[in-house]
């Protein structure tokens, strides 16, 4: 699927995801700085991955990258001690 076939909202989300990646920050940090609902970005990103517009979060060996894994683990620890 090409980006031309995306809905306007999907193209907007894709642009935000690309900007966050190029800025080298987490999606949470980007969303907070831009005043955007981070949950909505995550959900739309998942939709775009299901549509195969975005690559999977997995790396070549099938595991999430270390930054994602570590960030997720820190978030879990923050709430579950």
Protein backbone atom coordinates (compact mmCIF):
# COMPACT_ATOMS: atom_id res chain seq x y z
CA UNK A 1 0.00 0.00 0.00
CA UNK A 2 1.32 3.42 -0.87
CA UNK A 3 0.98 6.50 1.28
CA UNK A 4 -1.25 7.99 -1.44
CA UNK A 5 -3.89 5.39 -0.55
CA UNK A 6 -3.95 6.46 3.10
CA UNK A 7 -6.65 8.53 4.72
CA UNK A 8 -5.68 12.10 5.65
CA UNK A 9 -5.51 11.22 9.36
CA UNK A 10 -3.28 8.23 8.64
CA UNK A 11 -0.91 10.42 6.58
CA UNK A 12 -0.81 12.93 9.43
CA UNK A 13 0.05 10.22 11.95
CA UNK A 14 2.69 8.79 9.63
CA UNK A 15 4.29 12.23 9.42
CA UNK A 16 4.34 12.50 13.22
CA UNK A 17 5.91 9.05 13.54
CA UNK A 18 8.59 9.94 11.00
CA UNK A 19 9.30 13.27 12.74
CA UNK A 20 9.68 11.54 16.10
CA UNK A 21 12.09 9.04 14.58
CA UNK A 22 14.16 11.70 12.82
CA UNK A 23 14.30 13.73 16.06
CA UNK A 24 15.78 10.70 17.81
CA UNK A 25 13.31 10.82 20.68
CA UNK A 26 10.74 8.39 21.98
CA UNK A 27 7.20 8.62 20.76
CA UNK A 28 6.11 9.62 24.25
CA UNK A 29 8.62 12.49 24.36
CA UNK A 30 7.60 13.65 20.89
CA UNK A 31 3.89 13.51 21.70
CA UNK A 32 4.32 15.47 24.93
CA UNK A 33 6.38 18.15 23.16
CA UNK A 34 3.87 18.41 20.30
CA UNK A 35 0.81 18.28 22.55
CA UNK A 36 -0.48 15.09 20.92
CA UNK A 37 -2.17 12.13 22.60
CA UNK A 38 0.54 9.47 22.73
CA UNK A 39 -1.96 6.62 22.98
CA UNK A 40 -3.60 7.73 19.74
CA UNK A 41 -0.19 7.77 18.01
CA UNK A 42 0.61 4.27 19.25
CA UNK A 43 -2.80 2.98 18.17
CA UNK A 44 -2.62 4.59 14.72
CA UNK A 45 0.94 3.33 14.34
CA UNK A 46 -0.27 -0.19 15.07
CA UNK A 47 -2.98 0.23 12.43
CA UNK A 48 -0.40 1.37 9.90
CA UNK A 49 1.79 -1.67 10.73
CA UNK A 50 -1.21 -3.96 10.21
CA UNK A 51 -1.77 -2.31 6.84
CA UNK A 52 1.95 -2.89 6.18
CA UNK A 53 2.56 0.81 5.64
CA UNK A 54 5.07 0.82 8.51
CA UNK A 55 7.69 -1.82 9.14
CA UNK A 56 7.21 -4.07 12.11
CA UNK A 57 8.82 -2.97 15.38
CA UNK A 58 10.95 -6.13 15.29
CA UNK A 59 14.54 -6.05 14.08
CA UNK A 60 16.16 -8.57 11.75
CA UNK A 61 16.44 -11.22 14.45
CA UNK A 62 12.77 -10.81 15.38
CA UNK A 63 13.39 -9.06 18.70
CA UNK A 64 12.47 -5.48 19.51
CA UNK A 65 15.44 -3.14 19.62
CA UNK A 66 17.16 -2.55 22.95
CA UNK A 67 15.85 1.00 23.39
CA UNK A 68 12.25 -0.11 22.94
CA UNK A 69 12.71 -3.11 25.21
CA UNK A 70 14.44 -1.08 27.91
CA UNK A 71 11.91 1.74 27.70
CA UNK A 72 9.02 -0.71 27.99
CA UNK A 73 10.69 -2.41 30.94
CA UNK A 74 11.23 0.94 32.70
CA UNK A 75 7.57 1.85 32.15
CA UNK A 76 6.51 -1.52 33.58
CA UNK A 77 8.76 -1.11 36.61
CA UNK A 78 7.46 2.40 37.19
CA UNK A 79 3.94 1.05 37.72
CA UNK A 80 4.63 -2.44 39.01
CA UNK A 81 7.72 -1.82 41.13
